[in-house]
């Protein structure tokens, strides 16, 4: 990983990826279920995405960097390194999905998601098609987006970057902890709002009696 990336830049990048994860999940929901929602959080960030992708960059680097480190010295085809990178990311993604899904089922007594309807699923929490999809998205982001975005972020003045990173990471951490605490207590999803795309005039908000149309 580029040694010029300071901790505050990494914090902001983590927030950017967390927002992209929130957006990606809602795109998936829109196409598969016809609605979007808050993804169990109060703020539009899924911290797990940010932590996972940033950690992968620290461990593996970009696909090109990974390939060069493993195969460059032996003059082997770089494509071998990229294939190994892809497989490594896919294994991490699949293991992470199984771990999170199992954790939520054991601690909150809820089925966080279910891929049983998808061909080639491995347990109900991961499948070959979804793992390939996530891996393609992550690999593309790492190869073409991570470093350019980090170069922009590192250019932000420290006087603005430091408080922005602290606030964003603080918000995401607190939101994740509070949301999981709610789900554990209520043994249910923390749905705060939901927009049905088939009828854009109706927004559903959670209250003590269920969902109200407004």
N, C-alpha and C. Protein backbone atom coordinates (compact mmCIF):
# COMPACT_ATOMS: atom_id res chain seq x y z
N UNK A 1 0.84 -1.19 0.00
CA UNK A 1 0.00 0.00 0.00
C UNK A 1 0.87 1.24 0.00
N UNK A 2 0.47 2.27 -0.70
CA UNK A 2 1.21 3.52 -0.80
C UNK A 2 1.46 4.10 0.57
N UNK A 3 2.72 4.31 0.92
CA UNK A 3 3.06 4.78 2.25
C UNK A 3 2.65 6.21 2.52
N UNK A 4 2.26 6.97 1.50
CA UNK A 4 1.85 8.35 1.69
C UNK A 4 0.40 8.47 2.15
N UNK A 5 -0.32 7.35 2.25
CA UNK A 5 -1.70 7.39 2.67
C UNK A 5 -1.77 7.51 4.20
N UNK A 6 -2.11 8.70 4.68
CA UNK A 6 -2.21 8.89 6.13
C UNK A 6 -3.52 8.34 6.65
N UNK A 7 -3.61 8.21 7.95
CA UNK A 7 -4.77 7.57 8.58
C UNK A 7 -6.06 8.32 8.32
N UNK A 8 -5.99 9.64 8.19
CA UNK A 8 -7.20 10.42 7.95
C UNK A 8 -7.71 10.22 6.52
N UNK A 9 -6.78 10.09 5.58
CA UNK A 9 -7.17 9.79 4.21
C UNK A 9 -7.82 8.42 4.13
N UNK A 10 -7.25 7.47 4.85
CA UNK A 10 -7.83 6.12 4.88
C UNK A 10 -9.24 6.15 5.49
N UNK A 11 -9.41 6.97 6.53
CA UNK A 11 -10.72 7.09 7.15
C UNK A 11 -11.77 7.63 6.19
N UNK A 12 -11.41 8.65 5.42
CA UNK A 12 -12.35 9.21 4.45
C UNK A 12 -12.63 8.22 3.34
N UNK A 13 -11.60 7.52 2.87
CA UNK A 13 -11.81 6.50 1.84
C UNK A 13 -12.74 5.40 2.34
N UNK A 14 -12.58 5.01 3.60
CA UNK A 14 -13.45 4.00 4.19
C UNK A 14 -14.91 4.47 4.16
N UNK A 15 -15.12 5.76 4.43
CA UNK A 15 -16.48 6.31 4.38
C UNK A 15 -17.02 6.30 2.95
N UNK A 16 -16.17 6.64 1.98
CA UNK A 16 -16.60 6.64 0.57
C UNK A 16 -17.02 5.22 0.15
N UNK A 17 -16.22 4.24 0.49
CA UNK A 17 -16.54 2.86 0.13
C UNK A 17 -17.79 2.38 0.87
N UNK A 18 -17.94 2.80 2.11
CA UNK A 18 -19.13 2.42 2.89
C UNK A 18 -20.40 2.98 2.25
N UNK A 19 -20.32 4.21 1.73
CA UNK A 19 -21.46 4.79 1.02
C UNK A 19 -21.73 4.04 -0.28
N UNK A 20 -20.66 3.69 -1.00
CA UNK A 20 -20.83 2.92 -2.23
C UNK A 20 -21.45 1.56 -1.94
N UNK A 21 -21.08 0.94 -0.81
CA UNK A 21 -21.68 -0.33 -0.42
C UNK A 21 -23.17 -0.19 -0.14
N UNK A 22 -23.54 0.90 0.53
CA UNK A 22 -24.94 1.20 0.79
C UNK A 22 -25.70 1.34 -0.54
N UNK A 23 -25.10 2.05 -1.48
CA UNK A 23 -25.71 2.25 -2.78
C UNK A 23 -25.82 0.94 -3.56
N UNK A 24 -24.76 0.13 -3.53
CA UNK A 24 -24.76 -1.14 -4.25
C UNK A 24 -25.85 -2.07 -3.73
N UNK A 25 -26.00 -2.17 -2.41
CA UNK A 25 -27.03 -3.04 -1.86
C UNK A 25 -28.42 -2.58 -2.24
N UNK A 26 -28.64 -1.28 -2.28
CA UNK A 26 -29.95 -0.78 -2.67
C UNK A 26 -30.23 -0.99 -4.15
N UNK A 27 -29.20 -0.94 -4.98
CA UNK A 27 -29.38 -1.28 -6.39
C UNK A 27 -29.80 -2.73 -6.53
N UNK A 28 -29.16 -3.60 -5.77
CA UNK A 28 -29.51 -5.02 -5.77
C UNK A 28 -30.96 -5.21 -5.31
N UNK A 29 -31.35 -4.52 -4.24
CA UNK A 29 -32.73 -4.61 -3.75
C UNK A 29 -33.72 -4.10 -4.79
N UNK A 30 -33.36 -3.01 -5.43
CA UNK A 30 -34.27 -2.42 -6.42
C UNK A 30 -34.57 -3.39 -7.54
N UNK A 31 -33.56 -4.13 -8.00
CA UNK A 31 -33.75 -5.05 -9.10
C UNK A 31 -34.37 -6.38 -8.66
N UNK A 32 -34.08 -6.82 -7.44
CA UNK A 32 -34.56 -8.13 -7.01
C UNK A 32 -35.87 -8.08 -6.22
N UNK A 33 -36.12 -6.96 -5.50
CA UNK A 33 -37.31 -6.89 -4.65
C UNK A 33 -38.19 -5.67 -4.90
N UNK A 34 -37.72 -4.75 -5.72
CA UNK A 34 -38.56 -3.62 -6.08
C UNK A 34 -38.67 -2.52 -5.05
N UNK A 35 -37.74 -2.46 -4.12
CA UNK A 35 -37.74 -1.37 -3.15
C UNK A 35 -36.31 -1.06 -2.71
N UNK A 36 -36.14 0.07 -2.04
CA UNK A 36 -34.88 0.41 -1.40
C UNK A 36 -35.19 0.78 0.04
N UNK A 37 -34.21 0.63 0.91
CA UNK A 37 -34.42 1.00 2.31
C UNK A 37 -33.13 1.46 2.96
N UNK A 38 -33.15 1.64 4.27
CA UNK A 38 -32.00 2.20 4.99
C UNK A 38 -30.93 1.17 5.31
N UNK A 39 -31.14 -0.08 4.89
CA UNK A 39 -30.15 -1.15 5.11
C UNK A 39 -29.78 -1.31 6.58
N UNK A 40 -30.76 -1.12 7.43
CA UNK A 40 -30.64 -1.32 8.88
C UNK A 40 -29.85 -0.23 9.60
N UNK A 41 -29.42 0.80 8.89
CA UNK A 41 -28.65 1.87 9.49
C UNK A 41 -29.42 3.19 9.47
N UNK A 42 -29.01 4.13 10.31
CA UNK A 42 -29.62 5.46 10.28
C UNK A 42 -28.98 6.34 9.22
N UNK A 43 -27.70 6.12 8.96
CA UNK A 43 -26.96 6.91 7.99
C UNK A 43 -26.64 6.06 6.77
N UNK A 44 -26.43 6.68 5.61
CA UNK A 44 -26.22 5.92 4.37
C UNK A 44 -24.81 5.36 4.21
N UNK A 45 -24.38 4.60 5.20
CA UNK A 45 -23.06 3.98 5.16
C UNK A 45 -23.17 2.55 5.66
N UNK A 46 -22.53 1.62 4.96
CA UNK A 46 -22.37 0.26 5.45
C UNK A 46 -20.89 0.07 5.75
N UNK A 47 -20.56 0.23 7.03
CA UNK A 47 -19.18 0.29 7.48
C UNK A 47 -18.39 -0.96 7.11
N UNK A 48 -19.07 -2.10 7.08
CA UNK A 48 -18.38 -3.35 6.76
C UNK A 48 -17.74 -3.33 5.40
N UNK A 49 -18.40 -2.73 4.42
CA UNK A 49 -17.82 -2.62 3.07
C UNK A 49 -16.52 -1.81 3.11
N UNK A 50 -16.58 -0.67 3.78
CA UNK A 50 -15.40 0.18 3.85
C UNK A 50 -14.23 -0.50 4.51
N UNK A 51 -14.51 -1.17 5.64
CA UNK A 51 -13.44 -1.87 6.35
C UNK A 51 -12.87 -3.01 5.51
N UNK A 52 -13.75 -3.76 4.85
CA UNK A 52 -13.30 -4.92 4.09
C UNK A 52 -12.44 -4.52 2.90
N UNK A 53 -12.92 -3.57 2.09
CA UNK A 53 -12.18 -3.19 0.88
C UNK A 53 -10.87 -2.49 1.23
N UNK A 54 -10.90 -1.64 2.25
CA UNK A 54 -9.67 -0.97 2.68
C UNK A 54 -8.66 -1.98 3.20
N UNK A 55 -9.13 -2.94 3.99
CA UNK A 55 -8.23 -3.98 4.51
C UNK A 55 -7.65 -4.81 3.38
N UNK A 56 -8.46 -5.12 2.36
CA UNK A 56 -7.94 -5.87 1.21
C UNK A 56 -6.83 -5.10 0.51
N UNK A 57 -7.00 -3.77 0.42
CA UNK A 57 -5.96 -2.98 -0.23
C UNK A 57 -4.67 -3.01 0.57
N UNK A 58 -4.80 -2.97 1.89
CA UNK A 58 -3.62 -3.03 2.75
C UNK A 58 -2.91 -4.38 2.58
N UNK A 59 -3.69 -5.46 2.54
CA UNK A 59 -3.12 -6.80 2.48
C UNK A 59 -2.65 -7.20 1.08
N UNK A 60 -3.45 -6.86 0.05
CA UNK A 60 -3.18 -7.36 -1.29
C UNK A 60 -2.70 -6.31 -2.27
N UNK A 61 -3.03 -5.03 -2.00
CA UNK A 61 -2.74 -3.99 -2.97
C UNK A 61 -3.72 -4.07 -4.13
N UNK A 62 -3.37 -3.44 -5.24
CA UNK A 62 -4.20 -3.54 -6.44
C UNK A 62 -3.90 -4.87 -7.14
N UNK A 63 -4.77 -5.31 -8.05
CA UNK A 63 -4.47 -6.55 -8.80
C UNK A 63 -3.12 -6.50 -9.51
N UNK A 64 -2.77 -5.34 -10.07
CA UNK A 64 -1.49 -5.21 -10.78
C UNK A 64 -0.32 -5.32 -9.80
N UNK A 65 -0.43 -4.67 -8.64
CA UNK A 65 0.63 -4.75 -7.63
C UNK A 65 0.79 -6.17 -7.11
N UNK A 66 -0.33 -6.82 -6.86
CA UNK A 66 -0.32 -8.19 -6.37
C UNK A 66 0.36 -9.11 -7.37
N UNK A 67 0.02 -8.96 -8.64
CA UNK A 67 0.60 -9.78 -9.69
C UNK A 67 2.10 -9.55 -9.81
N UNK A 68 2.51 -8.29 -9.73
CA UNK A 68 3.92 -7.96 -9.87
C UNK A 68 4.75 -8.53 -8.73
N UNK A 69 4.21 -8.44 -7.50
CA UNK A 69 4.93 -8.95 -6.33
C UNK A 69 5.13 -10.46 -6.42
N UNK A 70 4.08 -11.17 -6.87
CA UNK A 70 4.15 -12.63 -6.87
C UNK A 70 4.89 -13.19 -8.06
N UNK A 71 4.68 -12.58 -9.24
CA UNK A 71 5.16 -13.20 -10.47
C UNK A 71 6.16 -12.36 -11.25
N UNK A 72 6.30 -11.08 -10.88
CA UNK A 72 7.19 -10.21 -11.64
C UNK A 72 8.63 -10.67 -11.63
N UNK A 73 9.11 -11.14 -10.48
CA UNK A 73 10.51 -11.55 -10.38
C UNK A 73 10.81 -12.83 -11.16
N UNK A 74 9.74 -13.60 -11.47
CA UNK A 74 9.95 -14.87 -12.16
C UNK A 74 9.58 -14.78 -13.64
N UNK A 75 9.24 -13.57 -14.10
CA UNK A 75 8.87 -13.35 -15.50
C UNK A 75 7.73 -14.26 -15.95
N UNK A 76 6.80 -14.53 -15.04
CA UNK A 76 5.63 -15.31 -15.37
C UNK A 76 4.51 -14.39 -15.85
N UNK A 77 3.56 -14.92 -16.59
CA UNK A 77 2.46 -14.07 -17.09
C UNK A 77 1.73 -13.37 -15.94
N UNK A 78 1.53 -12.07 -16.09
CA UNK A 78 0.85 -11.31 -15.05
C UNK A 78 -0.58 -11.76 -14.84
N UNK A 79 -1.17 -12.35 -15.87
CA UNK A 79 -2.55 -12.80 -15.76
C UNK A 79 -2.70 -13.84 -14.65
N UNK A 80 -1.64 -14.61 -14.39
CA UNK A 80 -1.69 -15.61 -13.32
C UNK A 80 -1.87 -14.92 -11.97
N UNK A 81 -1.15 -13.82 -11.79
CA UNK A 81 -1.28 -13.08 -10.55
C UNK A 81 -2.66 -12.49 -10.38
N UNK A 82 -3.23 -12.00 -11.47
CA UNK A 82 -4.57 -11.40 -11.40
C UNK A 82 -5.63 -12.47 -11.11
N UNK A 83 -5.43 -13.65 -11.66
CA UNK A 83 -6.36 -14.75 -11.38
C UNK A 83 -6.28 -15.12 -9.91
N UNK A 84 -5.07 -15.21 -9.36
CA UNK A 84 -4.89 -15.54 -7.95
C UNK A 84 -5.47 -14.44 -7.06
N UNK A 85 -5.29 -13.19 -7.49
CA UNK A 85 -5.88 -12.06 -6.76
C UNK A 85 -7.40 -12.21 -6.73
N UNK A 86 -7.99 -12.50 -7.88
CA UNK A 86 -9.44 -12.65 -7.98
C UNK A 86 -9.92 -13.77 -7.06
N UNK A 87 -9.24 -14.90 -7.08
CA UNK A 87 -9.63 -16.03 -6.23
C UNK A 87 -9.49 -15.69 -4.75
N UNK A 88 -8.43 -14.95 -4.41
CA UNK A 88 -8.21 -14.57 -3.01
C UNK A 88 -9.35 -13.67 -2.52
N UNK A 89 -9.70 -12.68 -3.34
CA UNK A 89 -10.78 -11.77 -2.97
C UNK A 89 -12.09 -12.53 -2.85
N UNK A 90 -12.36 -13.45 -3.77
CA UNK A 90 -13.62 -14.20 -3.76
C UNK A 90 -13.72 -15.07 -2.50
N UNK A 91 -12.62 -15.65 -2.09
CA UNK A 91 -12.62 -16.46 -0.87
C UNK A 91 -12.89 -15.59 0.35
N UNK A 92 -12.26 -14.42 0.40
CA UNK A 92 -12.46 -13.50 1.52
C UNK A 92 -13.91 -13.03 1.57
N UNK A 93 -14.46 -12.67 0.42
CA UNK A 93 -15.85 -12.21 0.35
C UNK A 93 -16.80 -13.31 0.82
N UNK A 94 -16.61 -14.53 0.31
CA UNK A 94 -17.49 -15.64 0.67
C UNK A 94 -17.40 -15.95 2.16
N UNK A 95 -16.18 -15.99 2.68
CA UNK A 95 -16.01 -16.27 4.11
C UNK A 95 -16.63 -15.17 4.96
N UNK A 96 -16.47 -13.92 4.52
CA UNK A 96 -17.05 -12.81 5.25
C UNK A 96 -18.56 -12.85 5.28
N UNK A 97 -19.18 -13.20 4.14
CA UNK A 97 -20.64 -13.30 4.09
C UNK A 97 -21.14 -14.40 5.02
N UNK A 98 -20.50 -15.56 4.98
CA UNK A 98 -20.92 -16.66 5.84
C UNK A 98 -20.75 -16.29 7.31
N UNK A 99 -19.63 -15.65 7.64
CA UNK A 99 -19.37 -15.27 9.04
C UNK A 99 -20.40 -14.27 9.54
N UNK A 100 -20.68 -13.23 8.73
CA UNK A 100 -21.64 -12.21 9.16
C UNK A 100 -23.05 -12.78 9.24
N UNK A 101 -23.46 -13.54 8.23
CA UNK A 101 -24.79 -14.12 8.24
C UNK A 101 -25.00 -15.05 9.43
N UNK A 102 -24.01 -15.89 9.71
CA UNK A 102 -24.09 -16.81 10.84
C UNK A 102 -24.11 -16.05 12.17
N UNK A 103 -23.27 -15.01 12.27
CA UNK A 103 -23.23 -14.20 13.49
C UNK A 103 -24.58 -13.56 13.77
N UNK A 104 -25.21 -12.99 12.73
CA UNK A 104 -26.50 -12.34 12.92
C UNK A 104 -27.58 -13.35 13.29
N UNK A 105 -27.51 -14.54 12.71
CA UNK A 105 -28.50 -15.56 13.03
C UNK A 105 -28.35 -16.04 14.47
N UNK A 106 -27.11 -16.17 14.93
CA UNK A 106 -26.87 -16.66 16.28
C UNK A 106 -27.16 -15.59 17.34
N UNK A 107 -26.79 -14.33 17.07
CA UNK A 107 -26.90 -13.30 18.10
C UNK A 107 -28.23 -12.54 18.05
N UNK A 108 -28.73 -12.27 16.83
CA UNK A 108 -29.95 -11.47 16.70
C UNK A 108 -31.17 -12.31 16.33
N UNK A 109 -30.95 -13.59 16.07
CA UNK A 109 -32.04 -14.51 15.74
C UNK A 109 -32.79 -14.08 14.48
N UNK A 110 -32.08 -13.49 13.53
CA UNK A 110 -32.71 -13.10 12.27
C UNK A 110 -31.91 -13.67 11.10
N UNK A 111 -32.60 -13.92 10.01
CA UNK A 111 -31.95 -14.37 8.79
C UNK A 111 -31.59 -13.12 7.98
N UNK A 112 -30.32 -12.72 8.05
CA UNK A 112 -29.91 -11.44 7.49
C UNK A 112 -30.16 -11.37 5.99
N UNK A 113 -29.90 -12.45 5.29
CA UNK A 113 -30.25 -12.60 3.88
C UNK A 113 -30.25 -14.09 3.56
N UNK A 114 -30.75 -14.44 2.39
CA UNK A 114 -30.83 -15.85 2.02
C UNK A 114 -30.62 -15.99 0.52
N UNK A 115 -29.52 -16.66 0.16
CA UNK A 115 -29.20 -16.88 -1.25
C UNK A 115 -29.57 -18.28 -1.72
N UNK A 116 -30.41 -18.96 -0.96
CA UNK A 116 -30.75 -20.34 -1.30
C UNK A 116 -31.41 -20.45 -2.66
N UNK A 117 -32.06 -19.37 -3.10
CA UNK A 117 -32.75 -19.40 -4.39
C UNK A 117 -31.80 -19.23 -5.57
N UNK A 118 -30.53 -18.89 -5.27
CA UNK A 118 -29.55 -18.67 -6.33
C UNK A 118 -28.80 -19.97 -6.61
N UNK A 119 -28.64 -20.34 -7.87
CA UNK A 119 -27.88 -21.57 -8.19
C UNK A 119 -26.44 -21.48 -7.65
N UNK A 120 -25.89 -22.63 -7.31
CA UNK A 120 -24.51 -22.75 -6.83
C UNK A 120 -24.28 -21.97 -5.55
N UNK A 121 -25.27 -21.98 -4.65
CA UNK A 121 -25.08 -21.32 -3.37
C UNK A 121 -24.33 -22.26 -2.42
N UNK A 122 -23.50 -21.68 -1.57
CA UNK A 122 -22.77 -22.41 -0.54
C UNK A 122 -23.28 -21.90 0.81
N UNK A 123 -24.09 -22.70 1.46
CA UNK A 123 -24.94 -22.27 2.57
C UNK A 123 -25.88 -21.19 2.03
N UNK A 124 -26.78 -20.70 2.87
CA UNK A 124 -27.73 -19.69 2.40
C UNK A 124 -27.13 -18.29 2.39
N UNK A 125 -25.89 -18.16 2.88
CA UNK A 125 -25.32 -16.83 3.02
C UNK A 125 -24.31 -16.45 1.94
N UNK A 126 -23.98 -17.37 1.07
CA UNK A 126 -23.10 -16.99 -0.04
C UNK A 126 -23.38 -17.91 -1.22
N UNK A 127 -22.99 -17.46 -2.40
CA UNK A 127 -23.17 -18.26 -3.61
C UNK A 127 -22.08 -17.88 -4.60
N UNK A 128 -21.84 -18.77 -5.54
CA UNK A 128 -20.81 -18.49 -6.54
C UNK A 128 -21.15 -17.26 -7.38
N UNK A 129 -22.38 -17.11 -7.89
CA UNK A 129 -22.69 -15.91 -8.69
C UNK A 129 -22.53 -14.61 -7.92
N UNK A 130 -23.03 -14.55 -6.68
CA UNK A 130 -22.92 -13.30 -5.91
C UNK A 130 -21.47 -13.03 -5.52
N UNK A 131 -20.73 -14.06 -5.16
CA UNK A 131 -19.32 -13.86 -4.81
C UNK A 131 -18.52 -13.36 -6.02
N UNK A 132 -18.81 -13.92 -7.19
CA UNK A 132 -18.14 -13.45 -8.41
C UNK A 132 -18.50 -12.00 -8.68
N UNK A 133 -19.78 -11.66 -8.51
CA UNK A 133 -20.22 -10.28 -8.74
C UNK A 133 -19.53 -9.30 -7.82
N UNK A 134 -19.50 -9.61 -6.51
CA UNK A 134 -18.83 -8.74 -5.55
C UNK A 134 -17.33 -8.65 -5.85
N UNK A 135 -16.74 -9.79 -6.22
CA UNK A 135 -15.29 -9.81 -6.49
C UNK A 135 -14.96 -8.98 -7.73
N UNK A 136 -15.79 -9.06 -8.75
CA UNK A 136 -15.58 -8.23 -9.95
C UNK A 136 -15.64 -6.75 -9.59
N UNK A 137 -16.64 -6.38 -8.79
CA UNK A 137 -16.79 -4.98 -8.39
C UNK A 137 -15.60 -4.50 -7.57
N UNK A 138 -15.17 -5.32 -6.61
CA UNK A 138 -14.03 -4.95 -5.77
C UNK A 138 -12.74 -4.88 -6.58
N UNK A 139 -12.53 -5.86 -7.45
CA UNK A 139 -11.30 -5.88 -8.27
C UNK A 139 -11.25 -4.67 -9.19
N UNK A 140 -12.38 -4.33 -9.80
CA UNK A 140 -12.43 -3.15 -10.67
C UNK A 140 -12.13 -1.89 -9.86
N UNK A 141 -12.74 -1.77 -8.70
CA UNK A 141 -12.52 -0.59 -7.86
C UNK A 141 -11.05 -0.49 -7.44
N UNK A 142 -10.48 -1.62 -7.01
CA UNK A 142 -9.08 -1.62 -6.56
C UNK A 142 -8.13 -1.27 -7.71
N UNK A 143 -8.44 -1.77 -8.91
CA UNK A 143 -7.54 -1.58 -10.05
C UNK A 143 -7.61 -0.16 -10.60
N UNK A 144 -8.83 0.39 -10.69
CA UNK A 144 -8.99 1.64 -11.43
C UNK A 144 -9.44 2.84 -10.59
N UNK A 145 -9.93 2.61 -9.40
CA UNK A 145 -10.52 3.72 -8.63
C UNK A 145 -9.81 4.03 -7.33
N UNK A 146 -9.30 3.01 -6.64
CA UNK A 146 -8.78 3.22 -5.30
C UNK A 146 -7.66 4.26 -5.27
N UNK A 147 -6.63 4.04 -6.04
CA UNK A 147 -5.47 4.94 -6.01
C UNK A 147 -5.79 6.34 -6.51
N UNK A 148 -6.52 6.51 -7.63
CA UNK A 148 -6.89 7.87 -8.05
C UNK A 148 -7.71 8.61 -6.99
N UNK A 149 -8.67 7.90 -6.35
CA UNK A 149 -9.46 8.55 -5.31
C UNK A 149 -8.60 8.91 -4.10
N UNK A 150 -7.70 8.02 -3.75
CA UNK A 150 -6.82 8.30 -2.61
C UNK A 150 -5.90 9.47 -2.90
N UNK A 151 -5.47 9.61 -4.13
CA UNK A 151 -4.63 10.76 -4.50
C UNK A 151 -5.39 12.07 -4.33
N UNK A 152 -6.69 12.04 -4.65
CA UNK A 152 -7.52 13.24 -4.45
C UNK A 152 -7.70 13.50 -2.97
N UNK A 153 -7.99 12.44 -2.21
CA UNK A 153 -8.26 12.60 -0.78
C UNK A 153 -7.01 13.08 -0.04
N UNK A 154 -5.85 12.53 -0.39
CA UNK A 154 -4.62 12.94 0.29
C UNK A 154 -4.29 14.41 0.02
N UNK A 155 -4.83 14.96 -1.07
CA UNK A 155 -4.60 16.37 -1.38
C UNK A 155 -5.49 17.32 -0.60
N UNK A 156 -6.44 16.81 0.15
CA UNK A 156 -7.31 17.66 0.96
C UNK A 156 -6.51 18.22 2.13
N UNK A 157 -6.63 19.50 2.43
CA UNK A 157 -5.88 20.08 3.56
C UNK A 157 -6.16 19.34 4.86
N UNK A 158 -5.13 19.14 5.64
CA UNK A 158 -5.25 18.38 6.89
C UNK A 158 -6.25 19.03 7.85
N UNK A 159 -6.33 20.35 7.83
CA UNK A 159 -7.24 21.05 8.74
C UNK A 159 -8.70 20.68 8.49
N UNK A 160 -9.02 20.27 7.26
CA UNK A 160 -10.38 19.82 6.95
C UNK A 160 -10.47 18.30 7.00
N UNK A 161 -9.42 17.64 6.52
CA UNK A 161 -9.45 16.19 6.40
C UNK A 161 -9.50 15.51 7.77
N UNK A 162 -8.75 16.00 8.72
CA UNK A 162 -8.70 15.35 10.03
C UNK A 162 -10.06 15.34 10.72
N UNK A 163 -10.72 16.50 10.91
CA UNK A 163 -12.05 16.44 11.56
C UNK A 163 -13.08 15.69 10.74
N UNK A 164 -12.99 15.79 9.39
CA UNK A 164 -13.95 15.08 8.55
C UNK A 164 -13.82 13.57 8.74
N UNK A 165 -12.58 13.08 8.77
CA UNK A 165 -12.35 11.65 8.95
C UNK A 165 -12.81 11.19 10.33
N UNK A 166 -12.49 11.96 11.36
CA UNK A 166 -12.88 11.58 12.72
C UNK A 166 -14.40 11.54 12.85
N UNK A 167 -15.07 12.55 12.30
CA UNK A 167 -16.54 12.60 12.39
C UNK A 167 -17.17 11.45 11.62
N UNK A 168 -16.70 11.22 10.38
CA UNK A 168 -17.29 10.16 9.56
C UNK A 168 -17.09 8.78 10.17
N UNK A 169 -15.87 8.48 10.61
CA UNK A 169 -15.60 7.18 11.22
C UNK A 169 -16.37 7.03 12.53
N UNK A 170 -16.47 8.12 13.29
CA UNK A 170 -17.24 8.08 14.53
C UNK A 170 -18.71 7.80 14.28
N UNK A 171 -19.27 8.48 13.28
CA UNK A 171 -20.68 8.28 12.94
C UNK A 171 -20.92 6.84 12.49
N UNK A 172 -20.07 6.32 11.61
CA UNK A 172 -20.26 4.97 11.10
C UNK A 172 -20.12 3.93 12.20
N UNK A 173 -19.14 4.12 13.08
CA UNK A 173 -18.94 3.17 14.18
C UNK A 173 -20.12 3.16 15.13
N UNK A 174 -20.55 4.35 15.55
CA UNK A 174 -21.68 4.45 16.47
C UNK A 174 -22.97 3.92 15.84
N UNK A 175 -23.17 4.25 14.56
CA UNK A 175 -24.38 3.79 13.87
C UNK A 175 -24.41 2.28 13.78
N UNK A 176 -23.28 1.67 13.45
CA UNK A 176 -23.22 0.22 13.33
C UNK A 176 -23.49 -0.45 14.67
N UNK A 177 -22.86 0.04 15.72
CA UNK A 177 -23.05 -0.55 17.06
C UNK A 177 -24.50 -0.41 17.52
N UNK A 178 -25.05 0.79 17.37
CA UNK A 178 -26.42 1.04 17.81
C UNK A 178 -27.42 0.22 17.00
N UNK A 179 -27.20 0.12 15.70
CA UNK A 179 -28.13 -0.62 14.86
C UNK A 179 -28.12 -2.11 15.17
N UNK A 180 -26.94 -2.67 15.38
CA UNK A 180 -26.87 -4.08 15.74
C UNK A 180 -27.47 -4.32 17.13
N UNK A 181 -27.31 -3.35 18.04
CA UNK A 181 -27.91 -3.48 19.37
C UNK A 181 -29.43 -3.50 19.27
N UNK A 182 -29.99 -2.66 18.38
CA UNK A 182 -31.45 -2.64 18.17
C UNK A 182 -31.91 -3.98 17.61
N UNK A 183 -31.20 -4.50 16.63
CA UNK A 183 -31.59 -5.77 16.01
C UNK A 183 -31.48 -6.92 17.00
N UNK A 184 -30.47 -6.88 17.86
CA UNK A 184 -30.33 -7.93 18.87
C UNK A 184 -31.47 -7.85 19.88
N UNK A 185 -31.83 -6.63 20.27
CA UNK A 185 -32.89 -6.46 21.27
C UNK A 185 -34.25 -6.82 20.71
N UNK A 186 -34.53 -6.39 19.48
CA UNK A 186 -35.85 -6.59 18.90
C UNK A 186 -35.97 -7.90 18.12
N UNK A 187 -34.84 -8.59 17.91
CA UNK A 187 -34.84 -9.82 17.12
C UNK A 187 -35.48 -9.58 15.75
N UNK A 188 -35.17 -8.42 15.18
CA UNK A 188 -35.76 -8.06 13.90
C UNK A 188 -34.88 -7.04 13.20
N UNK A 189 -35.16 -6.78 11.92
CA UNK A 189 -34.38 -5.81 11.16
C UNK A 189 -34.66 -4.40 11.67
N UNK A 190 -33.67 -3.55 11.52
CA UNK A 190 -33.79 -2.16 11.96
C UNK A 190 -34.22 -1.28 10.77
N UNK A 191 -35.42 -1.53 10.26
CA UNK A 191 -35.91 -0.80 9.10
C UNK A 191 -36.49 0.53 9.55
N UNK A 192 -35.90 1.62 9.09
CA UNK A 192 -36.37 2.97 9.45
C UNK A 192 -37.21 3.59 8.34
N UNK A 193 -36.86 3.27 7.11
CA UNK A 193 -37.65 3.76 5.97
C UNK A 193 -37.52 2.79 4.82
N UNK A 194 -38.52 2.82 3.97
CA UNK A 194 -38.53 1.95 2.80
C UNK A 194 -39.31 2.63 1.69
N UNK A 195 -38.76 2.65 0.52
CA UNK A 195 -39.43 3.24 -0.64
C UNK A 195 -39.71 2.14 -1.65
N UNK A 196 -40.99 1.92 -1.92
CA UNK A 196 -41.38 0.94 -2.92
C UNK A 196 -41.33 1.60 -4.29
N UNK A 197 -40.51 1.09 -5.16
CA UNK A 197 -40.29 1.73 -6.45
C UNK A 197 -41.47 1.60 -7.39
N UNK A 198 -42.35 0.65 -7.13
CA UNK A 198 -43.54 0.51 -7.96
C UNK A 198 -44.56 1.61 -7.68
N UNK A 199 -44.41 2.27 -6.54
CA UNK A 199 -45.31 3.36 -6.17
C UNK A 199 -44.49 4.41 -5.44
N UNK A 200 -43.84 5.28 -6.19
CA UNK A 200 -42.86 6.20 -5.64
C UNK A 200 -43.48 7.25 -4.71
N UNK A 201 -44.79 7.34 -4.69
CA UNK A 201 -45.43 8.34 -3.84
C UNK A 201 -45.52 7.90 -2.39
N UNK A 202 -45.18 6.66 -2.11
CA UNK A 202 -45.34 6.16 -0.76
C UNK A 202 -43.97 5.84 -0.14
N UNK A 203 -43.77 6.38 1.04
CA UNK A 203 -42.57 6.10 1.82
C UNK A 203 -43.01 5.47 3.13
N UNK A 204 -42.36 4.42 3.50
CA UNK A 204 -42.75 3.73 4.72
C UNK A 204 -41.73 4.03 5.81
N UNK A 205 -42.21 4.48 6.93
CA UNK A 205 -41.34 4.76 8.07
C UNK A 205 -41.76 3.90 9.25
N UNK A 206 -40.79 3.45 10.00
CA UNK A 206 -41.06 2.56 11.11
C UNK A 206 -41.50 3.35 12.34
N UNK A 207 -42.54 2.86 13.02
CA UNK A 207 -42.90 3.40 14.32
C UNK A 207 -43.38 2.24 15.19
N UNK A 208 -43.93 2.54 16.35
CA UNK A 208 -44.31 1.48 17.27
C UNK A 208 -45.41 0.57 16.75
N UNK A 209 -46.22 1.07 15.83
CA UNK A 209 -47.34 0.28 15.33
C UNK A 209 -47.04 -0.39 13.99
N UNK A 210 -45.85 -0.19 13.46
CA UNK A 210 -45.50 -0.82 12.19
C UNK A 210 -45.05 0.20 11.18
N UNK A 211 -45.63 0.19 9.98
CA UNK A 211 -45.24 1.09 8.93
C UNK A 211 -46.40 2.00 8.54
N UNK A 212 -46.11 3.26 8.39
CA UNK A 212 -47.10 4.24 7.96
C UNK A 212 -46.77 4.74 6.57
N UNK A 213 -47.78 4.89 5.73
CA UNK A 213 -47.59 5.51 4.42
C UNK A 213 -47.71 7.00 4.57
N UNK A 214 -46.77 7.74 3.95
CA UNK A 214 -46.87 9.20 3.98
C UNK A 214 -46.64 9.76 2.58
